Amino acid sequence: MIEYEKASASDLPVITELYQDAFPEALQAIFGKARLPSAAVFDLLNGLYQLESPGFIVARDGGRLAGFIIVMS
């Protein structure tokens, strides 16, 4: 069963990997690489999380983080 909840800061490393796995074409088009250094993506997502943490929602399937959405105001 999939459950949804507010993300925590400890979810950011997994969100970082899910982001890179989900958008290789966009990363390639923008940066010329299908994957970026994880630390760079983490820093970007962490900055957004610090600004809009209530907008980070995760989906868990059996406790495993399976997806996310970021809603910015």
PDB file of N, CA and C in Angstrom:
ATOM      1  N   MET A   1       0.836  -1.174   0.000  1.00  0.00           N
ATOM      2  CA  MET A   1       0.000   0.000   0.000  1.00  0.00           C
ATOM      3  C   MET A   1       0.887   1.246   0.000  1.00  0.00           C
ATOM      4  N   ILE A   2       0.587   2.176  -0.867  1.00  0.00           N
ATOM      5  CA  ILE A   2       1.353   3.409  -0.944  1.00  0.00           C
ATOM      6  C   ILE A   2       0.774   4.425   0.025  1.00  0.00           C
ATOM      7  N   GLU A   3       1.668   5.024   0.807  1.00  0.00           N
ATOM      8  CA  GLU A   3       1.281   6.053   1.765  1.00  0.00           C
ATOM      9  C   GLU A   3       2.043   7.328   1.435  1.00  0.00           C
ATOM     10  N   TYR A   4       1.399   8.456   1.666  1.00  0.00           N
ATOM     11  CA  TYR A   4       1.985   9.764   1.370  1.00  0.00           C
ATOM     12  C   TYR A   4       2.172  10.525   2.662  1.00  0.00           C
ATOM     13  N   GLU A   5       3.308  11.253   2.735  1.00  0.00           N
ATOM     14  CA  GLU A   5       3.587  12.048   3.930  1.00  0.00           C
ATOM     15  C   GLU A   5       4.577  13.141   3.587  1.00  0.00           C
ATOM     16  N   LYS A   6       4.688  14.095   4.505  1.00  0.00           N
ATOM     17  CA  LYS A   6       5.669  15.158   4.356  1.00  0.00           C
ATOM     18  C   LYS A   6       7.062  14.539   4.425  1.00  0.00           C
ATOM     19  N   ALA A   7       7.936  14.982   3.549  1.00  0.00           N
ATOM     20  CA  ALA A   7       9.313  14.487   3.551  1.00  0.00           C
ATOM     21  C   ALA A   7      10.065  15.036   4.757  1.00  0.00           C
ATOM     22  N   SER A   8      11.088  14.320   5.142  1.00  0.00           N
ATOM     23  CA  SER A   8      11.999  14.818   6.169  1.00  0.00           C
ATOM     24  C   SER A   8      13.357  15.051   5.513  1.00  0.00           C
ATOM     25  N   ALA A   9      14.211  15.780   6.193  1.00  0.00           N
ATOM     26  CA  ALA A   9      15.546  16.053   5.659  1.00  0.00           C
ATOM     27  C   ALA A   9      16.304  14.752   5.392  1.00  0.00           C
ATOM     28  N   SER A  10      16.029  13.719   6.165  1.00  0.00           N
ATOM     29  CA  SER A  10      16.727  12.442   5.969  1.00  0.00           C
ATOM     30  C   SER A  10      16.300  11.728   4.680  1.00  0.00           C
ATOM     31  N   ASP A  11      15.207  12.191   4.057  1.00  0.00           N
ATOM     32  CA  ASP A  11      14.762  11.618   2.784  1.00  0.00           C
ATOM     33  C   ASP A  11      15.521  12.202   1.594  1.00  0.00           C
ATOM     34  N   LEU A  12      16.214  13.311   1.780  1.00  0.00           N
ATOM     35  CA  LEU A  12      16.830  14.010   0.651  1.00  0.00           C
ATOM     36  C   LEU A  12      17.844  13.189  -0.139  1.00  0.00           C
ATOM     37  N   PRO A  13      18.674  12.351   0.468  1.00  0.00           N
ATOM     38  CA  PRO A  13      19.581  11.544  -0.364  1.00  0.00           C
ATOM     39  C   PRO A  13      18.838  10.620  -1.333  1.00  0.00           C
ATOM     40  N   VAL A  14      17.753  10.008  -0.892  1.00  0.00           N
ATOM     41  CA  VAL A  14      16.982   9.132  -1.784  1.00  0.00           C
ATOM     42  C   VAL A  14      16.247   9.969  -2.827  1.00  0.00           C
ATOM     43  N   ILE A  15      15.696  11.106  -2.426  1.00  0.00           N
ATOM     44  CA  ILE A  15      15.033  11.996  -3.382  1.00  0.00           C
ATOM     45  C   ILE A  15      16.027  12.436  -4.458  1.00  0.00           C
ATOM     46  N   THR A  16      17.263  12.703  -4.062  1.00  0.00           N
ATOM     47  CA  THR A  16      18.306  13.089  -5.012  1.00  0.00           C
ATOM     48  C   THR A  16      18.489  12.023  -6.084  1.00  0.00           C
ATOM     49  N   GLU A  17      18.583  10.770  -5.671  1.00  0.00           N
ATOM     50  CA  GLU A  17      18.775   9.676  -6.634  1.00  0.00           C
ATOM     51  C   GLU A  17      17.531   9.466  -7.497  1.00  0.00           C
ATOM     52  N   LEU A  18      16.355   9.537  -6.886  1.00  0.00           N
ATOM     53  CA  LEU A  18      15.120   9.397  -7.655  1.00  0.00           C
ATOM     54  C   LEU A  18      15.009  10.500  -8.711  1.00  0.00           C
ATOM     55  N   TYR A  19      15.383  11.721  -8.346  1.00  0.00           N
ATOM     56  CA  TYR A  19      15.344  12.845  -9.287  1.00  0.00           C
ATOM     57  C   TYR A  19      16.231  12.559 -10.494  1.00  0.00           C
ATOM     58  N   GLN A  20      17.447  12.140 -10.247  1.00  0.00           N
ATOM     59  CA  GLN A  20      18.370  11.869 -11.359  1.00  0.00           C
ATOM     60  C   GLN A  20      17.890  10.698 -12.213  1.00  0.00           C
ATOM     61  N   ASP A  21      17.315   9.687 -11.580  1.00  0.00           N
ATOM     62  CA  ASP A  21      16.800   8.538 -12.329  1.00  0.00           C
ATOM     63  C   ASP A  21      15.590   8.916 -13.173  1.00  0.00           C
ATOM     64  N   ALA A  22      14.790   9.872 -12.689  1.00  0.00           N
ATOM     65  CA  ALA A  22      13.542  10.225 -13.366  1.00  0.00           C
ATOM     66  C   ALA A  22      13.737  11.185 -14.537  1.00  0.00           C
ATOM     67  N   PHE A  23      14.776  11.993 -14.518  1.00  0.00           N
ATOM     68  CA  PHE A  23      14.898  13.066 -15.501  1.00  0.00           C
ATOM     69  C   PHE A  23      16.220  13.076 -16.275  1.00  0.00           C
ATOM     70  N   PRO A  24      16.700  11.935 -16.756  1.00  0.00           N
ATOM     71  CA  PRO A  24      17.992  11.960 -17.463  1.00  0.00           C
ATOM     72  C   PRO A  24      17.945  12.785 -18.756  1.00  0.00           C
ATOM     73  N   GLU A  25      16.823  12.757 -19.462  1.00  0.00           N
ATOM     74  CA  GLU A  25      16.735  13.515 -20.715  1.00  0.00           C
ATOM     75  C   GLU A  25      16.794  15.016 -20.453  1.00  0.00           C
ATOM     76  N   ALA A  26      16.100  15.474 -19.408  1.00  0.00           N
ATOM     77  CA  ALA A  26      16.121  16.896 -19.082  1.00  0.00           C
ATOM     78  C   ALA A  26      17.520  17.316 -18.634  1.00  0.00           C
ATOM     79  N   LEU A  27      18.160  16.499 -17.819  1.00  0.00           N
ATOM     80  CA  LEU A  27      19.518  16.819 -17.382  1.00  0.00           C
ATOM     81  C   LEU A  27      20.466  16.867 -18.574  1.00  0.00           C
ATOM     82  N   GLN A  28      20.293  15.935 -19.490  1.00  0.00           N
ATOM     83  CA  GLN A  28      21.131  15.905 -20.698  1.00  0.00           C
ATOM     84  C   GLN A  28      20.911  17.165 -21.528  1.00  0.00           C
ATOM     85  N   ALA A  29      19.665  17.552 -21.715  1.00  0.00           N
ATOM     86  CA  ALA A  29      19.350  18.727 -22.533  1.00  0.00           C
ATOM     87  C   ALA A  29      19.883  20.012 -21.902  1.00  0.00           C
ATOM     88  N   ILE A  30      19.806  20.113 -20.589  1.00  0.00           N
ATOM     89  CA  ILE A  30      20.208  21.348 -19.909  1.00  0.00           C
ATOM     90  C   ILE A  30      21.712  21.390 -19.631  1.00  0.00           C
ATOM     91  N   PHE A  31      22.256  20.275 -19.141  1.00  0.00           N
ATOM     92  CA  PHE A  31      23.642  20.269 -18.666  1.00  0.00           C
ATOM     93  C   PHE A  31      24.602  19.469 -19.539  1.00  0.00           C
ATOM     94  N   GLY A  32      24.067  18.766 -20.550  1.00  0.00           N
ATOM     95  CA  GLY A  32      24.924  17.966 -21.412  1.00  0.00           C
ATOM     96  C   GLY A  32      25.347  16.649 -20.794  1.00  0.00           C
ATOM     97  N   LYS A  33      24.715  16.277 -19.676  1.00  0.00           N
ATOM     98  CA  LYS A  33      25.005  15.016 -18.987  1.00  0.00           C
ATOM     99  C   LYS A  33      23.701  14.443 -18.474  1.00  0.00           C
ATOM    100  N   ALA A  34      23.552  13.125 -18.565  1.00  0.00           N
ATOM    101  CA  ALA A  34      22.337  12.478 -18.066  1.00  0.00           C
ATOM    102  C   ALA A  34      22.331  12.355 -16.550  1.00  0.00           C
ATOM    103  N   ARG A  35      23.494  12.459 -15.936  1.00  0.00           N
ATOM    104  CA  ARG A  35      23.600  12.452 -14.463  1.00  0.00           C
ATOM    105  C   ARG A  35      24.587  13.526 -14.060  1.00  0.00           C
ATOM    106  N   LEU A  36      24.286  14.158 -12.967  1.00  0.00           N
ATOM    107  CA  LEU A  36      25.154  15.176 -12.398  1.00  0.00           C
ATOM    108  C   LEU A  36      25.779  14.626 -11.118  1.00  0.00           C
ATOM    109  N   PRO A  37      26.822  15.264 -10.613  1.00  0.00           N
ATOM    110  CA  PRO A  37      27.339  14.823  -9.318  1.00  0.00           C
ATOM    111  C   PRO A  37      26.216  14.882  -8.273  1.00  0.00           C
ATOM    112  N   SER A  38      26.033  13.805  -7.561  1.00  0.00           N
ATOM    113  CA  SER A  38      24.940  13.729  -6.582  1.00  0.00           C
ATOM    114  C   SER A  38      24.993  14.867  -5.578  1.00  0.00           C
ATOM    115  N   ALA A  39      26.187  15.281  -5.198  1.00  0.00           N
ATOM    116  CA  ALA A  39      26.315  16.364  -4.217  1.00  0.00           C
ATOM    117  C   ALA A  39      25.702  17.661  -4.738  1.00  0.00           C
ATOM    118  N   ALA A  40      25.847  17.927  -6.047  1.00  0.00           N
ATOM    119  CA  ALA A  40      25.279  19.154  -6.624  1.00  0.00           C
ATOM    120  C   ALA A  40      23.756  19.108  -6.603  1.00  0.00           C
ATOM    121  N   VAL A  41      23.184  17.975  -6.968  1.00  0.00           N
ATOM    122  CA  VAL A  41      21.724  17.838  -6.966  1.00  0.00           C
ATOM    123  C   VAL A  41      21.204  17.882  -5.531  1.00  0.00           C
ATOM    124  N   PHE A  42      21.897  17.216  -4.629  1.00  0.00           N
ATOM    125  CA  PHE A  42      21.513  17.243  -3.218  1.00  0.00           C
ATOM    126  C   PHE A  42      21.498  18.679  -2.694  1.00  0.00           C
ATOM    127  N   ASP A  43      22.542  19.441  -3.003  1.00  0.00           N
ATOM    128  CA  ASP A  43      22.620  20.830  -2.529  1.00  0.00           C
ATOM    129  C   ASP A  43      21.446  21.648  -3.050  1.00  0.00           C
ATOM    130  N   LEU A  44      21.083  21.469  -4.306  1.00  0.00           N
ATOM    131  CA  LEU A  44      19.942  22.179  -4.886  1.00  0.00           C
ATOM    132  C   LEU A  44      18.648  21.793  -4.166  1.00  0.00           C
ATOM    133  N   LEU A  45      18.414  20.501  -4.032  1.00  0.00           N
ATOM    134  CA  LEU A  45      17.183  20.038  -3.379  1.00  0.00           C
ATOM    135  C   LEU A  45      17.157  20.432  -1.902  1.00  0.00           C
ATOM    136  N   ASN A  46      18.293  20.383  -1.251  1.00  0.00           N
ATOM    137  CA  ASN A  46      18.365  20.782   0.155  1.00  0.00           C
ATOM    138  C   ASN A  46      18.022  22.267   0.302  1.00  0.00           C
ATOM    139  N   GLY A  47      18.506  23.095  -0.613  1.00  0.00           N
ATOM    140  CA  GLY A  47      18.166  24.513  -0.577  1.00  0.00           C
ATOM    141  C   GLY A  47      16.680  24.748  -0.746  1.00  0.00           C
ATOM    142  N   LEU A  48      16.078  24.025  -1.695  1.00  0.00           N
ATOM    143  CA  LEU A  48      14.628  24.128  -1.880  1.00  0.00           C
ATOM    144  C   LEU A  48      13.886  23.633  -0.648  1.00  0.00           C
ATOM    145  N   TYR A  49      14.382  22.547  -0.060  1.00  0.00           N
ATOM    146  CA  TYR A  49      13.755  21.991   1.146  1.00  0.00           C
ATOM    147  C   TYR A  49      13.798  23.000   2.288  1.00  0.00           C
ATOM    148  N   GLN A  50      14.908  23.703   2.423  1.00  0.00           N
ATOM    149  CA  GLN A  50      15.025  24.699   3.490  1.00  0.00           C
ATOM    150  C   GLN A  50      14.015  25.837   3.296  1.00  0.00           C
ATOM    151  N   LEU A  51      13.706  26.157   2.041  1.00  0.00           N
ATOM    152  CA  LEU A  51      12.752  27.229   1.744  1.00  0.00           C
ATOM    153  C   LEU A  51      11.298  26.776   1.813  1.00  0.00           C
ATOM    154  N   GLU A  52      11.039  25.550   1.370  1.00  0.00           N
ATOM    155  CA  GLU A  52       9.655  25.085   1.196  1.00  0.00           C
ATOM    156  C   GLU A  52       9.463  23.652   1.674  1.00  0.00           C
ATOM    157  N   SER A  53       9.954  23.317   2.853  1.00  0.00           N
ATOM    158  CA  SER A  53       9.855  21.923   3.307  1.00  0.00           C
ATOM    159  C   SER A  53       8.425  21.379   3.307  1.00  0.00           C
ATOM    160  N   PRO A  54       7.379  22.175   3.592  1.00  0.00           N
ATOM    161  CA  PRO A  54       6.030  21.598   3.536  1.00  0.00           C
ATOM    162  C   PRO A  54       5.621  21.134   2.136  1.00  0.00           C
ATOM    163  N   GLY A  55       6.308  21.646   1.112  1.00  0.00           N
ATOM    164  CA  GLY A  55       5.986  21.261  -0.258  1.00  0.00           C
ATOM    165  C   GLY A  55       6.657  19.987  -0.729  1.00  0.00           C
ATOM    166  N   PHE A  56       7.471  19.380   0.114  1.00  0.00           N
ATOM    167  CA  PHE A  56       8.122  18.115  -0.239  1.00  0.00           C
ATOM    168  C   PHE A  56       7.272  16.976   0.315  1.00  0.00           C
ATOM    169  N   ILE A  57       6.666  16.219  -0.582  1.00  0.00           N
ATOM    170  CA  ILE A  57       5.810  15.091  -0.213  1.00  0.00           C
ATOM    171  C   ILE A  57       6.436  13.821  -0.786  1.00  0.00           C
ATOM    172  N   VAL A  58       6.495  12.787   0.019  1.00  0.00           N
ATOM    173  CA  VAL A  58       7.043  11.515  -0.445  1.00  0.00           C
ATOM    174  C   VAL A  58       5.963  10.441  -0.466  1.00  0.00           C
ATOM    175  N   ALA A  59       6.171   9.480  -1.342  1.00  0.00           N
ATOM    176  CA  ALA A  59       5.321   8.285  -1.416  1.00  0.00           C
ATOM    177  C   ALA A  59       6.157   7.111  -0.925  1.00  0.00           C
ATOM    178  N   ARG A  60       5.598   6.371  -0.002  1.00  0.00           N
ATOM    179  CA  ARG A  60       6.283   5.191   0.525  1.00  0.00           C
ATOM    180  C   ARG A  60       5.464   3.953   0.186  1.00  0.00           C
ATOM    181  N   ASP A  61       6.164   2.959  -0.313  1.00  0.00           N
ATOM    182  CA  ASP A  61       5.542   1.682  -0.640  1.00  0.00           C
ATOM    183  C   ASP A  61       6.154   0.641   0.286  1.00  0.00           C
ATOM    184  N   GLY A  62       5.383   0.227   1.289  1.00  0.00           N
ATOM    185  CA  GLY A  62       5.912  -0.720   2.268  1.00  0.00           C
ATOM    186  C   GLY A  62       7.064  -0.137   3.061  1.00  0.00           C
ATOM    187  N   GLY A  63       7.048   1.157   3.298  1.00  0.00           N
ATOM    188  CA  GLY A  63       8.105   1.815   4.039  1.00  0.00           C
ATOM    189  C   GLY A  63       9.256   2.310   3.184  1.00  0.00           C
ATOM    190  N   ARG A  64       9.350   1.828   1.942  1.00  0.00           N
ATOM    191  CA  ARG A  64      10.427   2.242   1.031  1.00  0.00           C
ATOM    192  C   ARG A  64      10.020   3.509   0.300  1.00  0.00           C
ATOM    193  N   LEU A  65      10.878   4.523   0.269  1.00  0.00           N
ATOM    194  CA  LEU A  65      10.593   5.746  -0.439  1.00  0.00           C
ATOM    195  C   LEU A  65      10.583   5.436  -1.937  1.00  0.00           C
ATOM    196  N   ALA A  66       9.410   5.578  -2.558  1.00  0.00           N
ATOM    197  CA  ALA A  66       9.222   5.173  -3.941  1.00  0.00           C
ATOM    198  C   ALA A  66       9.010   6.345  -4.892  1.00  0.00           C
ATOM    199  N   GLY A  67       8.712   7.517  -4.366  1.00  0.00           N
ATOM    200  CA  GLY A  67       8.485   8.669  -5.219  1.00  0.00           C
ATOM    201  C   GLY A  67       8.370   9.933  -4.404  1.00  0.00           C
ATOM    202  N   PHE A  68       8.291  11.052  -5.103  1.00  0.00           N
ATOM    203  CA  PHE A  68       8.189  12.343  -4.420  1.00  0.00           C
ATOM    204  C   PHE A  68       7.571  13.360  -5.352  1.00  0.00           C
ATOM    205  N   ILE A  69       7.114  14.438  -4.755  1.00  0.00           N
ATOM    206  CA  ILE A  69       6.655  15.599  -5.504  1.00  0.00           C
ATOM    207  C   ILE A  69       7.111  16.823  -4.718  1.00  0.00           C
ATOM    208  N   ILE A  70       7.445  17.868  -5.447  1.00  0.00           N
ATOM    209  CA  ILE A  70       7.830  19.130  -4.822  1.00  0.00           C
ATOM    210  C   ILE A  70       6.841  20.173  -5.311  1.00  0.00           C
ATOM    211  N   VAL A  71       6.142  20.792  -4.379  1.00  0.00           N
ATOM    212  CA  VAL A  71       5.149  21.832  -4.691  1.00  0.00           C
ATOM    213  C   VAL A  71       5.670  23.137  -4.106  1.00  0.00           C
ATOM    214  N   MET A  72       5.898  24.098  -4.958  1.00  0.00           N
ATOM    215  CA  MET A  72       6.414  25.397  -4.504  1.00  0.00           C
ATOM    216  C   MET A  72       5.290  26.424  -4.539  1.00  0.00           C
ATOM    217  N   SER A  73       5.289  27.310  -3.563  1.00  0.00           N
ATOM    218  CA  SER A  73       4.265  28.358  -3.546  1.00  0.00           C
ATOM    219  C   SER A  73       4.760  29.589  -4.284  1.00  0.00           C
TER     220      SER A  73
END
